[in-house]
Amino acid sequence: MTLKNVWLLVLALAAFQLVTLYAQPIVIEDASVLWTTRMPSKVLHLPRYAYAESAGLLFVATNGLLQVIRTSDGAIVDTVSIADSSRTETLEIACSRDAKILCLTYRYWPLTNNLGGVLVMEYPSKRVIRRELDPSPPNGGGVINWASSRVSVSPSGRYIVVPWDSRFHVRILDLQRDTSWVIPGLPWRATSFNNSETVCATWDGPNSESDSNEGQCRVSWLSDPLNNFRNFEASYGSDVNDSELRLSHNGRYLLYSGSGTYDMQMRRLNPGITLWDIESGAKVYDSHYEGGGGPIWGFGPDDSWFVVWMSHPVFGNGTYVLFVGDSIPRYRFPTYSTFFNDLFSQAFFIKKDDAIVASRKVTTDITPVSVAEDAEVLRHPYVKRGPALDNISVRLGTVECSVARDGGFEWQLYSSSMAVVANGRLMAQPDQSSPCEIIAKLNVVPASGLYILTYFSSTKKVIGSIKLMLE
């Protein structure tokens, strides 16, 4: 083989490497606008809405009224008013999937003593079937902070979760059995249910005001939620600041995300995302890195993947799709959405400042790829251990080498949980004609598994990333 043919072979292998090893998430096309609706009055505060997917209806709170929007075309088809609406403000909305049960919190103007309450009504008749009012319940728990409290309705409308007092309790109402339970829980975040309504997930919160644990979740079995429950601790996020809980449709998984904050003793809590198998208590996914996770939009139809906003250290801020059992995002939504439908085929956006509600069609199919299949692709001759046990060697392609020759670039190696295990700077000689090679010296001998190598320009811009498997 001639020297020219050897060089062409090297270039071909380098090009193949760039195709198979790049870990950039696939961009999901969702720019097709289905409809845009301007509300008759301003949307208050953060967008307050409830989505009855089976009925094809969206409830959005405006000044004194709930506007009912048909999700197929964006038409406003009804309004729901609160008694004496000129003196009340709707704060939170929840509904059943068929829209037959509607629950909302409200407070009175002017804001004297923070007076408010909860209404449960049937729809479309709008008949009030239950009312929960301040002042606080007989247990003397203190005044409810209505502005920060959430209510939740199970898929069928059988169960409703409402705030109970200011001392970390919520009340679960069972409309079918006409009973209720008061359990420890923080009312500042919504309660999640599985589709069959056998379990729900709430914030368990601190056991006392001196308890430093602000990241404890509680999964309760709805046959007896007061006595049949299990706690899950996630000490990297807060119950208040940008944190979310979500159960998978089948009730197998619990997903928690938190942006990170300080606990009651002002100790720093790291942000991140955790996915548990509820039955075993095992962590299926556990990621910790600066920036952390934000809102959770839910699980895919078969619970094999989930969608969450995160500040990713490699790919930046965005809405990502991760498959259960994997650790690197495979898809990314380019446009921020307030929420999605269950099939992730339609995205909705509610803009409070302009009183705009819009919907977009999601056209990209999310196709599962098994971890085993992906691992075969990642075993590549240009990624290997050595020369020492605490080294790995990664051969780069011609594009990256060109950047290195122009001024060099920095690189970082992340573990599957996105923890930085090595970093450095690569410079190439001006006359270097062969692909560059990174030899990363780690603090420890790297375990077998999945890693991601990212390289940055001098301006900290991500040039590229390689997902790799070490034997």
Protein backbone atom coordinates (compact mmCIF):
# COMPACT_ATOMS: atom_id res chain seq x y z
CA MET A 1 0.00 0.00 0.00
CA THR A 2 1.41 3.38 -0.98
CA LEU A 3 1.87 6.27 1.45
CA LYS A 4 -0.92 8.15 -0.34
CA ASN A 5 -3.34 5.24 0.16
CA VAL A 6 -2.41 4.99 3.84
CA TRP A 7 -3.16 8.68 4.27
CA LEU A 8 -6.53 8.31 2.50
CA LEU A 9 -7.38 5.38 4.76
CA VAL A 10 -6.56 7.45 7.85
CA LEU A 11 -8.82 10.25 6.62
CA ALA A 12 -11.64 7.79 5.89
CA LEU A 13 -11.39 6.25 9.36
CA ALA A 14 -11.35 9.71 10.94
CA ALA A 15 -14.45 10.71 8.98
CA PHE A 16 -16.19 7.46 10.00
CA GLN A 17 -15.31 8.21 13.60
CA LEU A 18 -16.98 11.62 13.45
CA VAL A 19 -20.19 10.09 12.14
CA THR A 20 -20.48 7.27 14.65
CA LEU A 21 -19.08 8.82 17.81
CA TYR A 22 -20.63 12.26 17.93
CA ALA A 23 -23.00 12.54 20.86
CA GLN A 24 -24.87 15.66 19.81
CA PRO A 25 -28.62 15.23 20.47
CA ILE A 26 -30.89 15.03 17.44
CA VAL A 27 -32.86 18.26 17.02
CA ILE A 28 -36.62 17.70 17.11
CA GLU A 29 -38.50 19.70 14.52
CA ASP A 30 -41.44 21.46 16.17
CA ALA A 31 -41.59 24.81 14.42
CA SER A 32 -44.90 24.27 12.60
CA VAL A 33 -47.46 26.58 14.26
CA LEU A 34 -50.94 25.03 14.43
CA TRP A 35 -52.71 28.03 15.95
CA THR A 36 -52.21 31.19 17.99
CA THR A 37 -54.90 32.63 20.27
CA ARG A 38 -54.88 36.04 21.91
CA MET A 39 -56.68 35.98 25.24
CA PRO A 40 -59.34 38.63 25.97
CA SER A 41 -57.49 39.66 29.14
CA LYS A 42 -54.04 39.31 30.63
CA VAL A 43 -52.76 35.98 31.91
CA LEU A 44 -51.83 36.42 35.57
CA HIS A 45 -48.42 35.76 37.10
CA LEU A 46 -46.86 32.52 35.95
CA PRO A 47 -49.05 30.77 33.39
CA ARG A 48 -51.79 28.97 35.31
CA TYR A 49 -53.39 26.27 33.18
CA ALA A 50 -54.87 22.77 33.21
CA TYR A 51 -54.97 20.40 30.27
CA ALA A 52 -57.80 17.91 29.79
CA GLU A 53 -56.24 15.90 27.00
CA SER A 54 -59.02 13.34 26.51
CA ALA A 55 -61.54 16.16 26.15
CA GLY A 56 -59.24 18.29 23.99
CA LEU A 57 -59.64 21.30 26.29
CA LEU A 58 -57.21 23.72 27.88
CA PHE A 59 -58.14 25.89 30.91
CA VAL A 60 -56.14 29.13 31.24
CA ALA A 61 -56.54 31.63 34.10
CA THR A 62 -56.98 35.32 33.29
CA ASN A 63 -58.33 38.23 35.36
CA GLY A 64 -61.25 36.75 37.30
CA LEU A 65 -62.08 34.10 34.69
CA LEU A 66 -60.93 30.79 33.30
CA GLN A 67 -60.83 30.73 29.51
CA VAL A 68 -61.59 27.32 27.97
CA ILE A 69 -59.66 26.70 24.73
CA ARG A 70 -60.27 23.90 22.25
CA THR A 71 -56.84 22.43 21.54
CA SER A 72 -57.62 21.31 17.97
CA ASP A 73 -57.94 24.86 16.63
CA GLY A 74 -57.33 27.28 19.53
CA ALA A 75 -60.89 28.58 19.68
CA ILE A 76 -62.15 29.96 23.03
CA VAL A 77 -65.29 27.89 23.56
CA ASP A 78 -66.29 28.73 27.16
CA THR A 79 -65.45 30.70 30.30
CA VAL A 80 -65.61 29.71 33.97
CA SER A 81 -66.15 32.43 36.54
CA ILE A 82 -65.58 32.48 40.27
CA ALA A 83 -68.22 33.93 42.57
CA ASP A 84 -67.76 37.69 42.87
CA SER A 85 -64.96 37.53 40.31
CA SER A 86 -64.18 41.24 40.66
CA ARG A 87 -62.77 40.51 44.12
CA THR A 88 -61.04 37.20 43.47
CA GLU A 89 -57.95 36.00 41.65
CA THR A 90 -57.49 32.46 40.35
CA LEU A 91 -54.11 31.15 41.42
CA GLU A 92 -53.92 27.52 40.39
CA ILE A 93 -55.93 25.12 38.19
CA ALA A 94 -56.05 21.32 37.91
CA CYS A 95 -58.48 19.00 36.12
CA SER A 96 -59.18 15.39 35.23
CA ARG A 97 -58.22 14.13 31.79
CA ASP A 98 -61.85 14.18 30.64
CA ALA A 99 -62.42 17.72 32.07
CA LYS A 100 -65.36 16.51 34.19
CA ILE A 101 -63.66 17.52 37.46
CA LEU A 102 -62.08 20.96 37.79
CA CYS A 103 -60.23 22.24 40.86
CA LEU A 104 -58.82 25.70 41.47
CA THR A 105 -57.39 27.88 44.20
CA TYR A 106 -58.21 31.56 44.58
CA ARG A 107 -57.64 34.47 46.92
CA TYR A 108 -59.55 37.66 47.66
CA TRP A 109 -58.58 41.22 46.85
CA PRO A 110 -57.38 43.25 48.60
CA LEU A 111 -54.84 40.83 50.06
CA THR A 112 -55.98 41.11 53.67
CA ASN A 113 -54.91 38.18 55.85
CA ASN A 114 -54.17 36.17 52.71
CA LEU A 115 -57.76 34.88 52.56
CA GLY A 116 -58.49 32.31 49.90
CA GLY A 117 -59.78 28.83 49.26
CA VAL A 118 -60.24 25.82 46.98
CA LEU A 119 -63.20 25.10 44.72
CA VAL A 120 -63.97 21.69 43.23
CA MET A 121 -66.59 21.75 40.49
CA GLU A 122 -68.08 19.60 37.82
CA TYR A 123 -67.67 20.62 34.20
CA PRO A 124 -69.35 21.64 31.99
CA SER A 125 -72.20 22.13 34.48
CA LYS A 126 -69.88 24.26 36.71
CA ARG A 127 -71.65 22.96 39.80
CA VAL A 128 -69.49 23.36 42.91
CA ILE A 129 -69.26 20.00 44.71
CA ARG A 130 -66.67 20.86 47.35
CA ARG A 131 -65.19 23.96 48.93
CA GLU A 132 -62.11 24.21 51.14
CA LEU A 133 -61.72 27.57 52.89
CA ASP A 134 -59.40 29.59 55.07
CA PRO A 135 -58.93 30.16 57.97
CA SER A 136 -56.76 27.13 58.54
CA PRO A 137 -58.15 23.72 59.60
CA PRO A 138 -58.90 22.84 63.24
CA ASN A 139 -55.45 21.36 63.78
CA GLY A 140 -54.11 24.91 64.17
CA GLY A 141 -51.51 24.60 61.45
CA GLY A 142 -51.51 28.27 60.53
CA VAL A 143 -52.69 30.31 57.56
CA ILE A 144 -52.27 28.73 54.12
CA ASN A 145 -50.08 30.62 51.69
CA TRP A 146 -52.45 30.47 48.75
CA ALA A 147 -50.17 32.28 46.32
CA SER A 148 -47.55 29.52 46.63
CA SER A 149 -49.84 26.49 46.98
CA ARG A 150 -50.77 23.99 44.30
CA VAL A 151 -53.72 21.66 43.79
CA SER A 152 -53.72 18.40 41.83
CA VAL A 153 -56.36 16.13 40.30
CA SER A 154 -55.82 12.47 39.42
CA PRO A 155 -56.41 11.33 35.80
CA SER A 156 -59.99 10.13 36.42
CA GLY A 157 -60.83 12.93 38.86
CA ARG A 158 -61.28 10.58 41.81
CA TYR A 159 -58.44 12.00 43.93
CA ILE A 160 -57.71 15.65 44.66
CA VAL A 161 -54.74 17.01 46.61
CA VAL A 162 -55.14 20.39 48.34
CA PRO A 163 -53.00 22.39 50.82
CA TRP A 164 -53.86 21.68 54.46
CA ASP A 165 -51.80 24.03 56.60
CA SER A 166 -48.56 25.98 56.66
CA ARG A 167 -46.63 23.22 58.46
CA PHE A 168 -45.83 20.78 55.69
CA HIS A 169 -49.10 18.87 55.24
CA VAL A 170 -51.44 18.23 52.32
CA ARG A 171 -54.87 16.64 52.21
CA ILE A 172 -55.79 13.85 49.77
CA LEU A 173 -59.53 13.79 48.98
CA ASP A 174 -61.08 10.56 47.69
CA LEU A 175 -64.36 11.67 46.07
CA GLN A 176 -65.45 8.09 45.35
CA ARG A 177 -65.20 6.88 48.95
CA ASP A 178 -65.99 10.31 50.43
CA THR A 179 -62.96 10.18 52.69
CA SER A 180 -59.65 11.98 53.03
CA TRP A 181 -56.16 11.69 54.53
CA VAL A 182 -53.79 14.35 55.84
CA ILE A 183 -50.17 13.38 55.16
CA PRO A 184 -46.82 15.16 55.51
CA GLY A 185 -46.18 17.08 52.35
CA LEU A 186 -45.22 20.43 50.92
CA PRO A 187 -48.04 22.14 48.99
CA TRP A 188 -45.71 24.23 46.80
CA ARG A 189 -45.37 21.63 44.05
CA ALA A 190 -47.95 19.57 42.19
CA THR A 191 -48.72 15.95 43.08
CA SER A 192 -48.16 13.35 40.37
CA PHE A 193 -50.31 10.22 39.80
CA ASN A 194 -49.84 7.12 37.69
CA ASN A 195 -52.50 6.33 35.10
CA SER A 196 -54.20 3.57 37.11
CA GLU A 197 -54.24 5.80 40.24
CA THR A 198 -52.61 3.26 42.54
CA VAL A 199 -49.81 5.61 43.72
CA CYS A 200 -49.10 9.33 43.97
CA ALA A 201 -45.87 11.28 44.54
CA THR A 202 -45.68 14.28 46.89
CA TRP A 203 -43.00 16.31 48.62
CA ASP A 204 -42.49 14.82 52.05
CA GLY A 205 -40.35 17.76 53.13
CA PRO A 206 -38.56 18.27 56.43
CA ASN A 207 -39.79 16.32 59.43
CA SER A 208 -39.41 19.49 61.51
CA GLU A 209 -38.30 23.07 61.11
CA SER A 210 -34.77 22.06 62.13
CA ASP A 211 -34.57 19.20 59.63
CA SER A 212 -31.95 19.93 56.96
CA ASN A 213 -33.46 17.51 54.40
CA GLU A 214 -35.32 19.51 51.77
CA GLY A 215 -35.17 16.91 49.04
CA GLN A 216 -37.31 14.05 50.34
CA CYS A 217 -40.03 12.65 48.08
CA ARG A 218 -42.91 10.47 49.24
CA VAL A 219 -44.64 7.83 47.11
CA SER A 220 -47.98 6.86 48.69
CA TRP A 221 -50.19 3.93 47.78
CA LEU A 222 -53.68 5.37 47.45
CA SER A 223 -55.38 2.38 49.07
CA ASP A 224 -54.05 3.72 52.38
CA PRO A 225 -51.68 6.70 51.80
CA LEU A 226 -51.34 7.54 55.48
CA ASN A 227 -49.76 4.19 56.35
CA ASN A 228 -48.54 2.73 53.07
CA PHE A 229 -45.74 4.87 51.60
CA ARG A 230 -42.03 4.98 50.79
CA ASN A 231 -39.59 7.90 50.99
CA PHE A 232 -36.93 8.75 48.40
CA GLU A 233 -34.17 11.19 49.24
CA ALA A 234 -32.57 13.52 46.70
CA SER A 235 -30.32 15.96 48.48
CA TYR A 236 -29.26 18.07 45.53
CA GLY A 237 -32.38 20.18 45.02
CA SER A 238 -34.93 22.14 46.96
CA ASP A 239 -38.62 21.60 47.40
CA VAL A 240 -39.23 25.24 46.52
CA ASN A 241 -36.86 26.42 43.81
CA ASP A 242 -37.38 25.00 40.31
CA SER A 243 -37.96 21.43 41.40
CA GLU A 244 -40.31 18.85 39.95
CA LEU A 245 -41.66 15.36 40.65
CA ARG A 246 -43.22 13.04 38.08
CA LEU A 247 -44.42 9.43 38.06
CA SER A 248 -44.27 7.31 34.93
CA HIS A 249 -47.60 6.26 33.40
CA ASN A 250 -47.27 2.70 34.71
CA GLY A 251 -46.18 3.84 38.18
CA ARG A 252 -42.83 2.06 37.97
CA TYR A 253 -40.54 5.12 37.94
CA LEU A 254 -40.25 8.29 40.02
CA LEU A 255 -38.42 11.22 38.40
CA TYR A 256 -37.10 14.16 40.40
CA SER A 257 -35.24 17.26 39.21
CA GLY A 258 -33.84 20.17 41.16
CA SER A 259 -31.85 23.27 40.27
CA GLY A 260 -29.85 23.19 43.48
CA THR A 261 -29.99 25.60 46.39
CA TYR A 262 -29.16 25.71 50.10
CA ASP A 263 -30.66 23.65 52.87
CA MET A 264 -31.98 25.05 56.15
CA GLN A 265 -28.46 25.14 57.56
CA MET A 266 -27.20 27.03 54.46
CA ARG A 267 -25.22 24.06 53.17
CA ARG A 268 -24.93 23.97 49.40
CA LEU A 269 -27.07 21.33 47.67
CA ASN A 270 -25.91 20.19 44.26
CA PRO A 271 -28.42 20.30 41.38
CA GLY A 272 -29.32 17.33 39.23
CA ILE A 273 -31.83 14.74 38.10
CA THR A 274 -32.65 11.33 39.61
CA LEU A 275 -34.83 8.50 38.29
CA TRP A 276 -35.81 5.73 40.72
CA ASP A 277 -37.30 2.30 40.25
CA ILE A 278 -40.02 2.58 42.90
CA GLU A 279 -40.35 -1.11 43.73
CA SER A 280 -36.64 -1.75 44.32
CA GLY A 281 -35.64 1.77 45.33
CA ALA A 282 -32.69 1.59 42.92
CA LYS A 283 -31.49 4.69 41.08
CA VAL A 284 -31.85 4.12 37.34
CA TYR A 285 -30.43 7.54 36.43
CA ASP A 286 -28.56 9.91 38.72
CA SER A 287 -26.92 13.01 37.30
CA HIS A 288 -25.25 15.86 39.23
CA TYR A 289 -23.67 18.90 37.63
CA GLU A 290 -23.71 22.67 37.86
CA GLY A 291 -26.88 24.10 36.34
CA GLY A 292 -29.02 21.08 37.09
CA GLY A 293 -32.53 20.22 36.06
CA GLY A 294 -35.71 22.20 35.76
CA PRO A 295 -39.29 21.42 34.76
CA ILE A 296 -40.22 17.83 33.88
CA TRP A 297 -42.61 17.48 30.96
CA GLY A 298 -43.21 13.79 31.49
CA PHE A 299 -42.63 10.30 30.15
CA GLY A 300 -43.11 9.01 26.63
CA PRO A 301 -46.16 6.84 25.85
CA ASP A 302 -44.42 3.56 26.76
CA ASP A 303 -42.35 5.00 29.66
CA SER A 304 -39.08 4.14 27.90
CA TRP A 305 -38.01 7.79 27.75
CA PHE A 306 -38.66 11.08 29.54
CA VAL A 307 -38.43 14.78 28.71
CA VAL A 308 -36.90 17.33 31.05
CA TRP A 309 -35.39 20.80 30.88
CA MET A 310 -31.77 20.90 32.00
CA SER A 311 -28.71 23.10 31.96
CA HIS A 312 -26.42 20.55 30.38
CA PRO A 313 -22.66 21.12 30.82
CA VAL A 314 -21.95 20.06 27.22
CA PHE A 315 -25.00 20.98 25.17
CA GLY A 316 -26.25 23.97 27.16
CA ASN A 317 -29.75 24.92 28.34
CA GLY A 318 -32.59 23.11 26.65
CA THR A 319 -35.40 20.57 26.70
CA TYR A 320 -33.91 17.10 26.32
CA VAL A 321 -35.13 13.54 25.77
CA LEU A 322 -33.35 10.83 27.76
CA PHE A 323 -34.04 7.11 27.49
CA VAL A 324 -34.44 5.06 30.66
CA GLY A 325 -31.14 3.25 31.24
CA ASP A 326 -29.11 5.74 29.19
CA SER A 327 -27.25 8.75 30.52
CA ILE A 328 -26.70 11.02 27.50
CA PRO A 329 -29.57 13.02 25.94
CA ARG A 330 -30.55 11.68 22.51
CA TYR A 331 -32.97 14.40 21.37
CA ARG A 332 -33.40 18.11 21.98
CA PHE A 333 -36.38 20.41 21.46
CA PRO A 334 -35.10 23.70 19.99
CA THR A 335 -38.11 25.74 21.11
CA TYR A 336 -39.19 26.21 24.73
CA SER A 337 -42.70 24.94 25.51
CA THR A 338 -44.95 25.37 28.52
CA PHE A 339 -46.05 21.74 28.16
CA PHE A 340 -46.74 18.92 25.67
CA ASN A 341 -49.50 16.41 25.04
CA ASP A 342 -48.91 12.81 26.16
CA LEU A 343 -47.70 11.66 22.74
CA PHE A 344 -45.32 14.63 22.44
CA SER A 345 -46.85 15.34 19.04
CA GLN A 346 -48.20 18.75 20.04
CA ALA A 347 -46.47 21.48 22.05
CA PHE A 348 -48.16 24.41 23.81
CA PHE A 349 -46.79 27.78 24.88
CA ILE A 350 -48.51 30.29 27.16
CA LYS A 351 -47.04 33.80 27.26
CA LYS A 352 -48.39 35.86 30.11
CA ASP A 353 -47.08 39.29 29.09
CA ASP A 354 -48.78 39.27 25.71
CA ALA A 355 -51.74 37.09 26.76
CA ILE A 356 -50.86 34.66 23.96
CA VAL A 357 -51.55 30.92 23.83
CA ALA A 358 -50.02 29.02 20.90
CA SER A 359 -49.62 25.43 19.73
CA ARG A 360 -47.01 23.79 17.50
CA LYS A 361 -46.92 20.42 15.79
CA VAL A 362 -44.00 18.13 16.67
CA THR A 363 -42.99 16.26 13.53
CA THR A 364 -39.91 14.29 14.63
CA ASP A 365 -40.48 10.71 15.77
CA ILE A 366 -38.59 9.77 18.94
CA THR A 367 -37.11 6.35 18.20
CA PRO A 368 -35.70 4.26 21.05
CA VAL A 369 -32.16 2.90 20.72
CA SER A 370 -31.15 0.28 23.22
CA VAL A 371 -28.08 0.84 25.35
CA ALA A 372 -26.64 -2.47 24.10
CA GLU A 373 -26.98 -1.41 20.45
CA ASP A 374 -25.45 1.97 21.21
CA ALA A 375 -22.52 0.39 23.05
CA GLU A 376 -21.54 -1.59 19.94
CA VAL A 377 -21.29 1.62 17.92
CA LEU A 378 -19.17 3.24 20.63
CA ARG A 379 -16.47 0.54 20.62
CA HIS A 380 -14.13 2.16 18.13
CA PRO A 381 -10.39 1.65 17.52
CA TYR A 382 -9.64 5.36 17.92
CA VAL A 383 -10.86 5.31 21.53
CA LYS A 384 -8.83 3.09 23.82
CA ARG A 385 -7.10 2.78 27.14
CA GLY A 386 -3.43 3.53 27.52
CA PRO A 387 -0.60 3.84 27.33
CA ALA A 388 -0.86 3.80 31.16
CA LEU A 389 -3.77 2.32 33.11
CA ASP A 390 -4.91 5.78 34.16
CA ASN A 391 -4.83 7.07 30.56
CA ILE A 392 -7.27 7.00 27.71
CA SER A 393 -6.33 7.86 24.14
CA VAL A 394 -8.75 9.46 21.71
CA ARG A 395 -7.84 10.09 18.07
CA LEU A 396 -9.51 13.19 16.63
CA GLY A 397 -10.56 13.91 13.05
CA THR A 398 -9.14 16.45 10.62
CA VAL A 399 -11.63 19.20 11.49
CA GLU A 400 -10.67 19.18 15.16
CA CYS A 401 -6.98 18.98 14.26
CA SER A 402 -7.38 22.06 12.11
CA VAL A 403 -8.84 23.94 15.06
CA ALA A 404 -5.99 22.71 17.25
CA ARG A 405 -3.39 23.92 14.75
CA ASP A 406 -5.08 27.34 14.57
CA GLY A 407 -4.86 27.98 18.29
CA GLY A 408 -5.54 24.88 20.29
CA PHE A 409 -8.61 23.97 22.34
CA GLU A 410 -9.54 22.79 25.79
CA TRP A 411 -11.16 19.44 26.46
CA GLN A 412 -13.08 17.84 29.32
CA LEU A 413 -13.94 14.21 29.95
CA TYR A 414 -17.24 13.49 31.73
CA SER A 415 -18.47 10.32 33.34
CA SER A 416 -21.95 9.01 32.52
CA SER A 417 -23.33 11.11 35.41
CA MET A 418 -21.70 14.19 33.85
CA ALA A 419 -19.00 14.55 36.51
CA VAL A 420 -15.71 15.91 35.12
CA VAL A 421 -13.02 13.23 35.53
CA ALA A 422 -10.27 14.89 33.46
CA ASN A 423 -9.52 18.08 31.55
CA GLY A 424 -6.67 19.65 29.64
CA ARG A 425 -5.58 21.64 26.59
CA LEU A 426 -4.54 20.31 23.19
CA MET A 427 -2.06 22.11 20.94
CA ALA A 428 -0.99 20.83 17.54
CA GLN A 429 2.26 21.53 15.72
CA PRO A 430 1.81 23.67 12.57
CA ASP A 431 3.35 20.98 10.35
CA GLN A 432 1.39 18.07 11.84
CA SER A 433 -0.31 16.23 8.99
CA SER A 434 -1.92 13.29 10.77
CA PRO A 435 -5.02 13.30 13.01
CA CYS A 436 -4.42 14.64 16.50
CA GLU A 437 -4.58 12.46 19.57
CA ILE A 438 -5.66 13.29 23.11
CA ILE A 439 -4.08 11.28 25.90
CA ALA A 440 -6.11 12.02 29.03
CA LYS A 441 -4.47 11.27 32.35
CA LEU A 442 -7.15 10.67 34.97
CA ASN A 443 -7.02 10.92 38.72
CA VAL A 444 -8.07 7.28 38.99
CA VAL A 445 -8.09 4.27 36.70
CA PRO A 446 -11.36 4.74 34.74
CA ALA A 447 -14.00 2.11 35.29
CA SER A 448 -15.58 0.37 32.34
CA GLY A 449 -18.60 2.22 31.01
CA LEU A 450 -19.83 5.24 29.13
CA TYR A 451 -17.96 8.57 28.93
CA ILE A 452 -18.29 11.76 26.93
CA LEU A 453 -15.39 13.89 25.71
CA THR A 454 -16.08 17.53 24.88
CA TYR A 455 -13.72 20.06 23.36
CA PHE A 456 -14.07 23.84 23.53
CA SER A 457 -12.62 26.75 21.59
CA SER A 458 -10.70 29.57 23.27
CA THR A 459 -14.02 31.40 23.63
CA LYS A 460 -15.53 28.41 25.52
CA LYS A 461 -17.72 27.49 22.57
CA VAL A 462 -18.35 23.75 22.23
CA ILE A 463 -16.61 22.51 19.08
CA GLY A 464 -17.81 18.95 19.38
CA SER A 465 -18.34 15.99 21.67
CA ILE A 466 -17.61 12.29 21.43
CA LYS A 467 -19.52 9.64 23.33
CA LEU A 468 -17.27 6.67 24.01
CA MET A 469 -17.33 3.29 25.68
CA LEU A 470 -14.37 2.02 27.70
CA GLU A 471 -14.00 -1.72 28.23
